[in-house]
Amino acid sequence: MPSRELPLSLLHERVNGWYAEAGRKELPWRAPDATPWGVFLSEVMSQQTPLSRVEPIWREWMARWPTPADLAGAAPGDAVRAWGRLGYPRRALRLHEAATAMVERHDGEVPRDHEALLALPGVGAYTAAAVSCFAFGNPEVVIDTNVRRVLARTLEGKALPHVTLNRAESDLAREAMPAERDRANTWNVAVMELGALVCVARGPRCEQCPVADLCAWNLDGRPAYDGPPRRGQAWHGTDRQVRGEILRRLREAHASVPLATLVDAGDDPDQVMRCLDSLVADGLIEPLARGRFRLPA
């Protein structure tokens, strides 16, 4: 329950009004002429990835594969190669699989129905809700890390939300949604944007916040986070780094490469072999005869 009673209508008015003035509406997938496929791509690409890194890759993909059928007609390896350094490259394969499913099940279109979106490969609750809302104007409850943080602070007086999304947070997000369709759709993107630009995890910019005087956390003196430890993501020396280096070499080779050119992708040869095995298991690379590897054809 909220630590203070906050008039939700005032919260909606302030946050939506702030977005009208300060939101990043120049992002191409927020343009009035953005296609559902463009929105779908942006939502998958921007998971755990800053939008500044997403935009150039998004533009390249939209120029190369402007429809689901265009991507479905390409080799999966082309998608992995075009993914570049966005991270979590399995998303490139899932996008290819989703595009193929759209061609096979939905006449090459992004489905409008929330359940049909959920049934696509690699699409979870957040992506289905976001695409349904942002591409088709359906007022689904859209919950990402930024939304959770804004609601935790403004309504519950907590510095940060729970480590993982729970039922109580989902219920709170649903209760916080405006009832009217257009306001609800604007709210979804506005509250997300507020969390991304102002109500950030570290060093929140409360002086720029349109609801600082309403925020329960701010009014309570901004108490420190008292939940379970939150671990940062390591990188150097991890399997993620080694897998990324292997994929980089294969992307740049534009052909199959021998194992000998990959064994020094990390400091530990055993780790490199483990990462090669995991990349094969994930479908991100293919083993060939004579110990050679390539991106999937």
C-alpha atoms as a PDB file:
ATOM      1  CA  MET A   1       0.000   0.000   0.000  1.00  0.00           C
ATOM      2  CA  PRO A   2       1.206   3.562  -0.591  1.00  0.00           C
ATOM      3  CA  SER A   3       2.970   5.107   2.410  1.00  0.00           C
ATOM      4  CA  ARG A   4       1.046   8.349   1.767  1.00  0.00           C
ATOM      5  CA  GLU A   5      -2.244   8.979   0.029  1.00  0.00           C
ATOM      6  CA  LEU A   6      -1.393  10.580  -3.303  1.00  0.00           C
ATOM      7  CA  PRO A   7      -4.103  11.809  -5.674  1.00  0.00           C
ATOM      8  CA  LEU A   8      -3.485   9.613  -8.716  1.00  0.00           C
ATOM      9  CA  SER A   9      -5.232  12.049 -11.045  1.00  0.00           C
ATOM     10  CA  LEU A  10      -2.710  14.726 -10.059  1.00  0.00           C
ATOM     11  CA  LEU A  11       0.164  12.276 -10.512  1.00  0.00           C
ATOM     12  CA  HIS A  12      -1.094  11.425 -14.006  1.00  0.00           C
ATOM     13  CA  GLU A  13      -1.514  15.073 -14.924  1.00  0.00           C
ATOM     14  CA  ARG A  14       1.959  16.048 -13.756  1.00  0.00           C
ATOM     15  CA  VAL A  15       3.820  13.089 -15.292  1.00  0.00           C
ATOM     16  CA  ASN A  16       1.972  13.194 -18.612  1.00  0.00           C
ATOM     17  CA  GLY A  17       2.447  16.956 -18.777  1.00  0.00           C
ATOM     18  CA  TRP A  18       6.154  16.591 -18.087  1.00  0.00           C
ATOM     19  CA  TYR A  19       6.460  14.044 -20.888  1.00  0.00           C
ATOM     20  CA  ALA A  20       4.777  16.392 -23.333  1.00  0.00           C
ATOM     21  CA  GLU A  21       7.536  18.916 -22.628  1.00  0.00           C
ATOM     22  CA  ALA A  22      10.609  16.822 -21.882  1.00  0.00           C
ATOM     23  CA  GLY A  23      10.116  13.319 -23.280  1.00  0.00           C
ATOM     24  CA  ARG A  24      12.386  11.977 -26.027  1.00  0.00           C
ATOM     25  CA  LYS A  25       9.774  12.055 -28.748  1.00  0.00           C
ATOM     26  CA  GLU A  26      12.510  12.374 -31.370  1.00  0.00           C
ATOM     27  CA  LEU A  27      13.231   8.656 -31.018  1.00  0.00           C
ATOM     28  CA  PRO A  28      12.235   7.155 -34.386  1.00  0.00           C
ATOM     29  CA  TRP A  29      10.037   4.402 -32.952  1.00  0.00           C
ATOM     30  CA  ARG A  30       7.974   7.076 -31.180  1.00  0.00           C
ATOM     31  CA  ALA A  31       7.271   8.965 -34.408  1.00  0.00           C
ATOM     32  CA  PRO A  32       3.628   9.055 -35.592  1.00  0.00           C
ATOM     33  CA  ASP A  33       4.564   7.061 -38.691  1.00  0.00           C
ATOM     34  CA  ALA A  34       6.450   4.336 -36.806  1.00  0.00           C
ATOM     35  CA  THR A  35       5.298   0.886 -37.872  1.00  0.00           C
ATOM     36  CA  PRO A  36       4.324  -1.882 -35.433  1.00  0.00           C
ATOM     37  CA  TRP A  37       7.399  -3.780 -36.640  1.00  0.00           C
ATOM     38  CA  GLY A  38       9.597  -0.791 -35.816  1.00  0.00           C
ATOM     39  CA  VAL A  39       8.086  -0.617 -32.339  1.00  0.00           C
ATOM     40  CA  PHE A  40       8.549  -4.365 -31.890  1.00  0.00           C
ATOM     41  CA  LEU A  41      12.227  -4.124 -32.858  1.00  0.00           C
ATOM     42  CA  SER A  42      12.818  -1.208 -30.501  1.00  0.00           C
ATOM     43  CA  GLU A  43      11.292  -3.009 -27.541  1.00  0.00           C
ATOM     44  CA  VAL A  44      13.401  -6.125 -28.011  1.00  0.00           C
ATOM     45  CA  MET A  45      16.590  -4.180 -28.707  1.00  0.00           C
ATOM     46  CA  SER A  46      16.231  -1.827 -25.746  1.00  0.00           C
ATOM     47  CA  GLN A  47      15.968  -4.522 -23.093  1.00  0.00           C
ATOM     48  CA  GLN A  48      18.892  -3.918 -20.708  1.00  0.00           C
ATOM     49  CA  THR A  49      20.499  -1.672 -23.341  1.00  0.00           C
ATOM     50  CA  PRO A  50      20.763   2.165 -23.388  1.00  0.00           C
ATOM     51  CA  LEU A  51      18.687   3.780 -26.118  1.00  0.00           C
ATOM     52  CA  SER A  52      21.731   5.706 -27.359  1.00  0.00           C
ATOM     53  CA  ARG A  53      23.235   2.364 -28.404  1.00  0.00           C
ATOM     54  CA  VAL A  54      19.971   1.009 -29.737  1.00  0.00           C
ATOM     55  CA  GLU A  55      19.045   3.801 -32.158  1.00  0.00           C
ATOM     56  CA  PRO A  56      21.826   3.375 -34.782  1.00  0.00           C
ATOM     57  CA  ILE A  57      21.374  -0.415 -34.859  1.00  0.00           C
ATOM     58  CA  TRP A  58      17.589  -0.006 -35.037  1.00  0.00           C
ATOM     59  CA  ARG A  59      17.954   2.302 -38.029  1.00  0.00           C
ATOM     60  CA  GLU A  60      20.252  -0.186 -39.771  1.00  0.00           C
ATOM     61  CA  TRP A  61      17.823  -3.049 -39.190  1.00  0.00           C
ATOM     62  CA  MET A  62      14.829  -1.039 -40.375  1.00  0.00           C
ATOM     63  CA  ALA A  63      16.682  -0.025 -43.542  1.00  0.00           C
ATOM     64  CA  ARG A  64      17.729  -3.613 -44.209  1.00  0.00           C
ATOM     65  CA  TRP A  65      14.651  -5.458 -42.955  1.00  0.00           C
ATOM     66  CA  PRO A  66      11.696  -3.016 -42.935  1.00  0.00           C
ATOM     67  CA  THR A  67       9.125  -5.799 -42.475  1.00  0.00           C
ATOM     68  CA  PRO A  68       8.995  -9.118 -40.609  1.00  0.00           C
ATOM     69  CA  ALA A  69       9.062 -10.947 -43.951  1.00  0.00           C
ATOM     70  CA  ASP A  70      12.344  -9.254 -44.878  1.00  0.00           C
ATOM     71  CA  LEU A  71      14.036 -10.486 -41.714  1.00  0.00           C
ATOM     72  CA  ALA A  72      12.451 -13.936 -41.932  1.00  0.00           C
ATOM     73  CA  GLY A  73      13.898 -14.289 -45.436  1.00  0.00           C
ATOM     74  CA  ALA A  74      17.430 -13.653 -44.218  1.00  0.00           C
ATOM     75  CA  ALA A  75      19.773 -16.177 -42.625  1.00  0.00           C
ATOM     76  CA  PRO A  76      19.757 -16.259 -38.817  1.00  0.00           C
ATOM     77  CA  GLY A  77      23.483 -15.556 -38.932  1.00  0.00           C
ATOM     78  CA  ASP A  78      22.820 -12.293 -40.745  1.00  0.00           C
ATOM     79  CA  ALA A  79      20.694 -11.175 -37.791  1.00  0.00           C
ATOM     80  CA  VAL A  80      23.429 -12.122 -35.323  1.00  0.00           C
ATOM     81  CA  ARG A  81      26.039 -10.287 -37.410  1.00  0.00           C
ATOM     82  CA  ALA A  82      23.854  -7.169 -37.705  1.00  0.00           C
ATOM     83  CA  TRP A  83      23.239  -7.207 -33.961  1.00  0.00           C
ATOM     84  CA  GLY A  84      26.742  -5.841 -33.472  1.00  0.00           C
ATOM     85  CA  ARG A  85      27.679  -5.112 -29.867  1.00  0.00           C
ATOM     86  CA  LEU A  86      24.201  -4.577 -28.441  1.00  0.00           C
ATOM     87  CA  GLY A  87      24.715  -7.441 -26.010  1.00  0.00           C
ATOM     88  CA  TYR A  88      22.605 -10.505 -25.205  1.00  0.00           C
ATOM     89  CA  PRO A  89      22.835 -11.648 -28.849  1.00  0.00           C
ATOM     90  CA  ARG A  90      20.258 -14.408 -28.380  1.00  0.00           C
ATOM     91  CA  ARG A  91      17.772 -11.576 -28.823  1.00  0.00           C
ATOM     92  CA  ALA A  92      18.830 -11.389 -32.483  1.00  0.00           C
ATOM     93  CA  LEU A  93      17.921 -15.046 -32.975  1.00  0.00           C
ATOM     94  CA  ARG A  94      14.633 -14.589 -31.117  1.00  0.00           C
ATOM     95  CA  LEU A  95      13.811 -11.645 -33.387  1.00  0.00           C
ATOM     96  CA  HIS A  96      14.464 -13.800 -36.434  1.00  0.00           C
ATOM     97  CA  GLU A  97      12.281 -16.558 -34.988  1.00  0.00           C
ATOM     98  CA  ALA A  98       9.533 -14.063 -34.117  1.00  0.00           C
ATOM     99  CA  ALA A  99       9.622 -12.612 -37.638  1.00  0.00           C
ATOM    100  CA  THR A 100       9.341 -16.120 -39.081  1.00  0.00           C
ATOM    101  CA  ALA A 101       6.368 -16.821 -36.813  1.00  0.00           C
ATOM    102  CA  MET A 102       4.705 -13.578 -37.933  1.00  0.00           C
ATOM    103  CA  VAL A 103       5.044 -14.683 -41.544  1.00  0.00           C
ATOM    104  CA  GLU A 104       3.727 -18.171 -40.813  1.00  0.00           C
ATOM    105  CA  ARG A 105       0.886 -17.245 -38.455  1.00  0.00           C
ATOM    106  CA  HIS A 106      -0.027 -13.594 -39.058  1.00  0.00           C
ATOM    107  CA  ASP A 107       0.432 -12.885 -42.778  1.00  0.00           C
ATOM    108  CA  GLY A 108       3.727 -11.151 -42.141  1.00  0.00           C
ATOM    109  CA  GLU A 109       2.297  -8.630 -39.696  1.00  0.00           C
ATOM    110  CA  VAL A 110       2.950  -7.929 -36.018  1.00  0.00           C
ATOM    111  CA  PRO A 111      -0.147  -9.315 -34.270  1.00  0.00           C
ATOM    112  CA  ARG A 112      -2.402  -6.850 -32.469  1.00  0.00           C
ATOM    113  CA  ASP A 113      -3.697  -9.320 -29.912  1.00  0.00           C
ATOM    114  CA  HIS A 114      -1.857  -9.448 -26.598  1.00  0.00           C
ATOM    115  CA  GLU A 115      -2.063 -13.244 -26.343  1.00  0.00           C
ATOM    116  CA  ALA A 116      -0.814 -13.644 -29.912  1.00  0.00           C
ATOM    117  CA  LEU A 117       2.147 -11.418 -29.084  1.00  0.00           C
ATOM    118  CA  LEU A 118       2.899 -13.502 -26.006  1.00  0.00           C
ATOM    119  CA  ALA A 119       2.928 -16.631 -28.154  1.00  0.00           C
ATOM    120  CA  LEU A 120       5.760 -15.320 -30.352  1.00  0.00           C
ATOM    121  CA  PRO A 121       9.247 -16.758 -29.710  1.00  0.00           C
ATOM    122  CA  GLY A 122      11.207 -14.770 -27.152  1.00  0.00           C
ATOM    123  CA  VAL A 123       8.315 -12.457 -26.227  1.00  0.00           C
ATOM    124  CA  GLY A 124       7.565 -12.105 -22.530  1.00  0.00           C
ATOM    125  CA  ALA A 125       4.993 -10.197 -20.545  1.00  0.00           C
ATOM    126  CA  TYR A 126       6.750  -6.832 -20.770  1.00  0.00           C
ATOM    127  CA  THR A 127       7.371  -6.937 -24.531  1.00  0.00           C
ATOM    128  CA  ALA A 128       3.835  -8.108 -25.309  1.00  0.00           C
ATOM    129  CA  ALA A 129       2.307  -5.335 -23.204  1.00  0.00           C
ATOM    130  CA  ALA A 130       4.640  -2.651 -24.547  1.00  0.00           C
ATOM    131  CA  VAL A 131       4.076  -3.535 -28.213  1.00  0.00           C
ATOM    132  CA  SER A 132       0.324  -3.819 -27.685  1.00  0.00           C
ATOM    133  CA  CYS A 133       0.289  -0.373 -26.085  1.00  0.00           C
ATOM    134  CA  PHE A 134       2.860   1.563 -28.095  1.00  0.00           C
ATOM    135  CA  ALA A 135       2.144   0.040 -31.518  1.00  0.00           C
ATOM    136  CA  PHE A 136      -1.615  -0.412 -31.325  1.00  0.00           C
ATOM    137  CA  GLY A 137      -2.836   1.896 -28.571  1.00  0.00           C
ATOM    138  CA  ASN A 138      -4.126  -0.854 -26.298  1.00  0.00           C
ATOM    139  CA  PRO A 139      -3.860   0.330 -22.668  1.00  0.00           C
ATOM    140  CA  GLU A 140      -2.020  -2.676 -21.266  1.00  0.00           C
ATOM    141  CA  VAL A 141      -0.125  -2.403 -17.985  1.00  0.00           C
ATOM    142  CA  VAL A 142       3.501  -1.892 -19.033  1.00  0.00           C
ATOM    143  CA  ILE A 143       6.043  -2.538 -16.278  1.00  0.00           C
ATOM    144  CA  ASP A 144       9.782  -2.205 -16.684  1.00  0.00           C
ATOM    145  CA  THR A 145      12.535  -1.349 -14.205  1.00  0.00           C
ATOM    146  CA  ASN A 146      12.012   2.387 -14.652  1.00  0.00           C
ATOM    147  CA  VAL A 147       8.268   2.158 -14.013  1.00  0.00           C
ATOM    148  CA  ARG A 148       8.818  -0.005 -10.938  1.00  0.00           C
ATOM    149  CA  ARG A 149      11.308   2.497  -9.505  1.00  0.00           C
ATOM    150  CA  VAL A 150       9.047   5.522 -10.034  1.00  0.00           C
ATOM    151  CA  LEU A 151       6.072   3.781  -8.432  1.00  0.00           C
ATOM    152  CA  ALA A 152       8.142   2.441  -5.539  1.00  0.00           C
ATOM    153  CA  ARG A 153       9.320   5.958  -4.721  1.00  0.00           C
ATOM    154  CA  THR A 154       6.235   8.037  -5.390  1.00  0.00           C
ATOM    155  CA  LEU A 155       3.617   5.669  -3.980  1.00  0.00           C
ATOM    156  CA  GLU A 156       5.417   3.419  -1.504  1.00  0.00           C
ATOM    157  CA  GLY A 157       8.206   5.625  -0.187  1.00  0.00           C
ATOM    158  CA  LYS A 158      10.912   3.094  -1.068  1.00  0.00           C
ATOM    159  CA  ALA A 159      14.276   3.985  -2.522  1.00  0.00           C
ATOM    160  CA  LEU A 160      14.189   1.041  -4.919  1.00  0.00           C
ATOM    161  CA  PRO A 161      11.698  -1.673  -5.825  1.00  0.00           C
ATOM    162  CA  HIS A 162      12.127  -5.334  -4.970  1.00  0.00           C
ATOM    163  CA  VAL A 163      14.946  -7.085  -6.811  1.00  0.00           C
ATOM    164  CA  THR A 164      12.436  -8.995  -8.966  1.00  0.00           C
ATOM    165  CA  LEU A 165       8.932  -8.065 -10.022  1.00  0.00           C
ATOM    166  CA  ASN A 166       6.341  -9.467  -7.637  1.00  0.00           C
ATOM    167  CA  ARG A 167       2.554  -9.657  -7.537  1.00  0.00           C
ATOM    168  CA  ALA A 168       2.205  -6.647  -5.241  1.00  0.00           C
ATOM    169  CA  GLU A 169       4.159  -4.451  -7.682  1.00  0.00           C
ATOM    170  CA  SER A 170       2.100  -5.676 -10.607  1.00  0.00           C
ATOM    171  CA  ASP A 171      -1.096  -4.873  -8.718  1.00  0.00           C
ATOM    172  CA  LEU A 172       0.233  -1.429  -7.792  1.00  0.00           C
ATOM    173  CA  ALA A 173       1.101  -0.666 -11.433  1.00  0.00           C
ATOM    174  CA  ARG A 174      -2.367  -1.730 -12.508  1.00  0.00           C
ATOM    175  CA  GLU A 175      -4.045   0.422  -9.845  1.00  0.00           C
ATOM    176  CA  ALA A 176      -1.871   3.416 -10.783  1.00  0.00           C
ATOM    177  CA  MET A 177      -2.947   3.364 -14.449  1.00  0.00           C
ATOM    178  CA  PRO A 178      -5.340   6.080 -15.615  1.00  0.00           C
ATOM    179  CA  ALA A 179      -8.762   4.760 -16.517  1.00  0.00           C
ATOM    180  CA  GLU A 180      -9.120   6.723 -19.750  1.00  0.00           C
ATOM    181  CA  ARG A 181      -7.497   5.021 -22.762  1.00  0.00           C
ATOM    182  CA  ASP A 182      -5.440   7.868 -24.225  1.00  0.00           C
ATOM    183  CA  ARG A 183      -4.226   9.066 -20.832  1.00  0.00           C
ATOM    184  CA  ALA A 184      -3.304   5.485 -19.946  1.00  0.00           C
ATOM    185  CA  ASN A 185      -1.245   5.037 -23.108  1.00  0.00           C
ATOM    186  CA  THR A 186       0.555   8.336 -22.541  1.00  0.00           C
ATOM    187  CA  TRP A 187       1.120   7.417 -18.897  1.00  0.00           C
ATOM    188  CA  ASN A 188       2.820   4.163 -19.882  1.00  0.00           C
ATOM    189  CA  VAL A 189       5.518   5.890 -21.896  1.00  0.00           C
ATOM    190  CA  ALA A 190       5.676   8.979 -19.668  1.00  0.00           C
ATOM    191  CA  VAL A 191       6.296   7.181 -16.370  1.00  0.00           C
ATOM    192  CA  MET A 192       8.880   4.967 -18.080  1.00  0.00           C
ATOM    193  CA  GLU A 193      10.630   8.040 -19.457  1.00  0.00           C
ATOM    194  CA  LEU A 194      10.556   9.753 -16.066  1.00  0.00           C
ATOM    195  CA  GLY A 195      12.359   6.780 -14.560  1.00  0.00           C
ATOM    196  CA  ALA A 196      14.913   6.712 -17.364  1.00  0.00           C
ATOM    197  CA  LEU A 197      15.776  10.422 -17.337  1.00  0.00           C
ATOM    198  CA  VAL A 198      14.975  11.818 -13.873  1.00  0.00           C
ATOM    199  CA  CYS A 199      14.047   9.193 -11.288  1.00  0.00           C
ATOM    200  CA  VAL A 200      17.200   7.199 -11.997  1.00  0.00           C
ATOM    201  CA  ALA A 201      18.544   4.492  -9.706  1.00  0.00           C
ATOM    202  CA  ARG A 202      21.629   6.404  -8.599  1.00  0.00           C
ATOM    203  CA  GLY A 203      21.604  10.154  -8.061  1.00  0.00           C
ATOM    204  CA  PRO A 204      17.933  10.816  -8.853  1.00  0.00           C
ATOM    205  CA  ARG A 205      17.357  14.342 -10.149  1.00  0.00           C
ATOM    206  CA  CYS A 206      14.570  15.294  -7.776  1.00  0.00           C
ATOM    207  CA  GLU A 207      15.004  18.976  -8.556  1.00  0.00           C
ATOM    208  CA  GLN A 208      13.840  18.194 -12.114  1.00  0.00           C
ATOM    209  CA  CYS A 209      10.999  15.907 -11.115  1.00  0.00           C
ATOM    210  CA  PRO A 210       7.437  17.091 -11.791  1.00  0.00           C
ATOM    211  CA  VAL A 211       6.128  15.178  -8.769  1.00  0.00           C
ATOM    212  CA  ALA A 212       8.886  15.795  -6.224  1.00  0.00           C
ATOM    213  CA  ASP A 213       6.385  17.508  -3.912  1.00  0.00           C
ATOM    214  CA  LEU A 214       4.070  14.501  -4.126  1.00  0.00           C
ATOM    215  CA  CYS A 215       6.658  11.715  -3.909  1.00  0.00           C
ATOM    216  CA  ALA A 216       6.379   9.658  -0.723  1.00  0.00           C
ATOM    217  CA  TRP A 217      10.085   8.775  -0.755  1.00  0.00           C
ATOM    218  CA  ASN A 218      11.119  12.402  -1.172  1.00  0.00           C
ATOM    219  CA  LEU A 219       8.699  13.598   1.497  1.00  0.00           C
ATOM    220  CA  ASP A 220       9.970  10.948   3.927  1.00  0.00           C
ATOM    221  CA  GLY A 221      13.519  12.303   3.613  1.00  0.00           C
ATOM    222  CA  ARG A 222      14.664   9.842   0.942  1.00  0.00           C
ATOM    223  CA  PRO A 223      15.379   6.890   3.266  1.00  0.00           C
ATOM    224  CA  ALA A 224      18.092   4.498   2.148  1.00  0.00           C
ATOM    225  CA  TYR A 225      17.335   1.213   0.438  1.00  0.00           C
ATOM    226  CA  ASP A 226      16.852  -1.546   3.016  1.00  0.00           C
ATOM    227  CA  GLY A 227      16.186  -4.575   0.817  1.00  0.00           C
ATOM    228  CA  PRO A 228      18.384  -7.515  -0.231  1.00  0.00           C
ATOM    229  CA  PRO A 229      21.775  -6.785  -1.817  1.00  0.00           C
ATOM    230  CA  ARG A 230      21.674  -5.666  -5.442  1.00  0.00           C
ATOM    231  CA  ARG A 231      24.597  -7.025  -7.393  1.00  0.00           C
ATOM    232  CA  GLY A 232      26.140  -5.148 -10.256  1.00  0.00           C
ATOM    233  CA  GLN A 233      26.859  -7.026 -13.473  1.00  0.00           C
ATOM    234  CA  ALA A 234      30.501  -8.026 -13.825  1.00  0.00           C
ATOM    235  CA  TRP A 235      32.038  -8.115 -17.269  1.00  0.00           C
ATOM    236  CA  HIS A 236      35.824  -8.535 -17.503  1.00  0.00           C
ATOM    237  CA  GLY A 237      36.843 -12.176 -17.471  1.00  0.00           C
ATOM    238  CA  THR A 238      33.267 -13.467 -17.462  1.00  0.00           C
ATOM    239  CA  ASP A 239      31.710 -15.940 -19.850  1.00  0.00           C
ATOM    240  CA  ARG A 240      29.683 -13.037 -21.269  1.00  0.00           C
ATOM    241  CA  GLN A 241      32.872 -11.251 -22.264  1.00  0.00           C
ATOM    242  CA  VAL A 242      34.408 -14.351 -23.833  1.00  0.00           C
ATOM    243  CA  ARG A 243      31.202 -15.221 -25.699  1.00  0.00           C
ATOM    244  CA  GLY A 244      31.040 -11.654 -26.973  1.00  0.00           C
ATOM    245  CA  GLU A 245      34.627 -11.797 -28.201  1.00  0.00           C
ATOM    246  CA  ILE A 246      34.020 -15.092 -30.024  1.00  0.00           C
ATOM    247  CA  LEU A 247      30.954 -13.643 -31.725  1.00  0.00           C
ATOM    248  CA  ARG A 248      32.847 -10.466 -32.638  1.00  0.00           C
ATOM    249  CA  ARG A 249      35.511 -12.482 -34.426  1.00  0.00           C
ATOM    250  CA  LEU A 250      32.931 -14.535 -36.301  1.00  0.00           C
ATOM    251  CA  ARG A 251      30.951 -11.418 -37.293  1.00  0.00           C
ATOM    252  CA  GLU A 252      34.046  -9.735 -38.671  1.00  0.00           C
ATOM    253  CA  ALA A 253      35.268 -12.838 -40.511  1.00  0.00           C
ATOM    254  CA  HIS A 254      32.137 -13.109 -42.719  1.00  0.00           C
ATOM    255  CA  ALA A 255      33.057 -16.767 -43.182  1.00  0.00           C
ATOM    256  CA  SER A 256      33.787 -19.871 -41.168  1.00  0.00           C
ATOM    257  CA  VAL A 257      36.909 -19.727 -39.008  1.00  0.00           C
ATOM    258  CA  PRO A 258      39.117 -22.453 -37.516  1.00  0.00           C
ATOM    259  CA  LEU A 259      39.202 -23.163 -33.821  1.00  0.00           C
ATOM    260  CA  ALA A 260      42.808 -21.955 -33.730  1.00  0.00           C
ATOM    261  CA  THR A 261      41.642 -18.371 -34.304  1.00  0.00           C
ATOM    262  CA  LEU A 262      39.218 -18.538 -31.373  1.00  0.00           C
ATOM    263  CA  VAL A 263      41.117 -20.271 -28.585  1.00  0.00           C
ATOM    264  CA  ASP A 264      42.676 -17.010 -27.375  1.00  0.00           C
ATOM    265  CA  ALA A 265      39.307 -15.226 -27.059  1.00  0.00           C
ATOM    266  CA  GLY A 266      39.802 -15.498 -23.297  1.00  0.00           C
ATOM    267  CA  ASP A 267      42.642 -16.058 -20.850  1.00  0.00           C
ATOM    268  CA  ASP A 268      41.504 -19.591 -19.942  1.00  0.00           C
ATOM    269  CA  PRO A 269      41.324 -22.135 -22.804  1.00  0.00           C
ATOM    270  CA  ASP A 270      38.859 -24.256 -20.824  1.00  0.00           C
ATOM    271  CA  GLN A 271      36.581 -21.238 -20.445  1.00  0.00           C
ATOM    272  CA  VAL A 272      36.809 -20.537 -24.183  1.00  0.00           C
ATOM    273  CA  MET A 273      35.796 -24.116 -24.998  1.00  0.00           C
ATOM    274  CA  ARG A 274      32.929 -23.913 -22.515  1.00  0.00           C
ATOM    275  CA  CYS A 275      31.753 -20.690 -24.135  1.00  0.00           C
ATOM    276  CA  LEU A 276      32.010 -22.205 -27.610  1.00  0.00           C
ATOM    277  CA  ASP A 277      29.865 -25.112 -26.449  1.00  0.00           C
ATOM    278  CA  SER A 278      27.289 -22.743 -24.951  1.00  0.00           C
ATOM    279  CA  LEU A 279      27.149 -20.627 -28.123  1.00  0.00           C
ATOM    280  CA  VAL A 280      26.543 -23.777 -30.171  1.00  0.00           C
ATOM    281  CA  ALA A 281      23.842 -24.896 -27.720  1.00  0.00           C
ATOM    282  CA  ASP A 282      22.174 -21.476 -27.977  1.00  0.00           C
ATOM    283  CA  GLY A 283      22.152 -21.659 -31.772  1.00  0.00           C
ATOM    284  CA  LEU A 284      24.342 -18.575 -32.103  1.00  0.00           C
ATOM    285  CA  ILE A 285      27.151 -20.386 -33.921  1.00  0.00           C
ATOM    286  CA  GLU A 286      27.408 -23.593 -35.950  1.00  0.00           C
ATOM    287  CA  PRO A 287      30.223 -26.157 -35.764  1.00  0.00           C
ATOM    288  CA  LEU A 288      31.516 -27.390 -39.112  1.00  0.00           C
ATOM    289  CA  ALA A 289      33.893 -30.116 -40.223  1.00  0.00           C
ATOM    290  CA  ARG A 290      37.604 -29.842 -39.451  1.00  0.00           C
ATOM    291  CA  GLY A 291      37.038 -27.802 -36.300  1.00  0.00           C
ATOM    292  CA  ARG A 292      35.637 -24.719 -37.970  1.00  0.00           C
ATOM    293  CA  PHE A 293      32.805 -22.455 -36.759  1.00  0.00           C
ATOM    294  CA  ARG A 294      30.473 -19.909 -38.357  1.00  0.00           C
ATOM    295  CA  LEU A 295      27.371 -17.890 -37.616  1.00  0.00           C
ATOM    296  CA  PRO A 296      24.166 -19.832 -38.378  1.00  0.00           C
ATOM    297  CA  ALA A 297      23.280 -20.034 -42.064  1.00  0.00           C
END
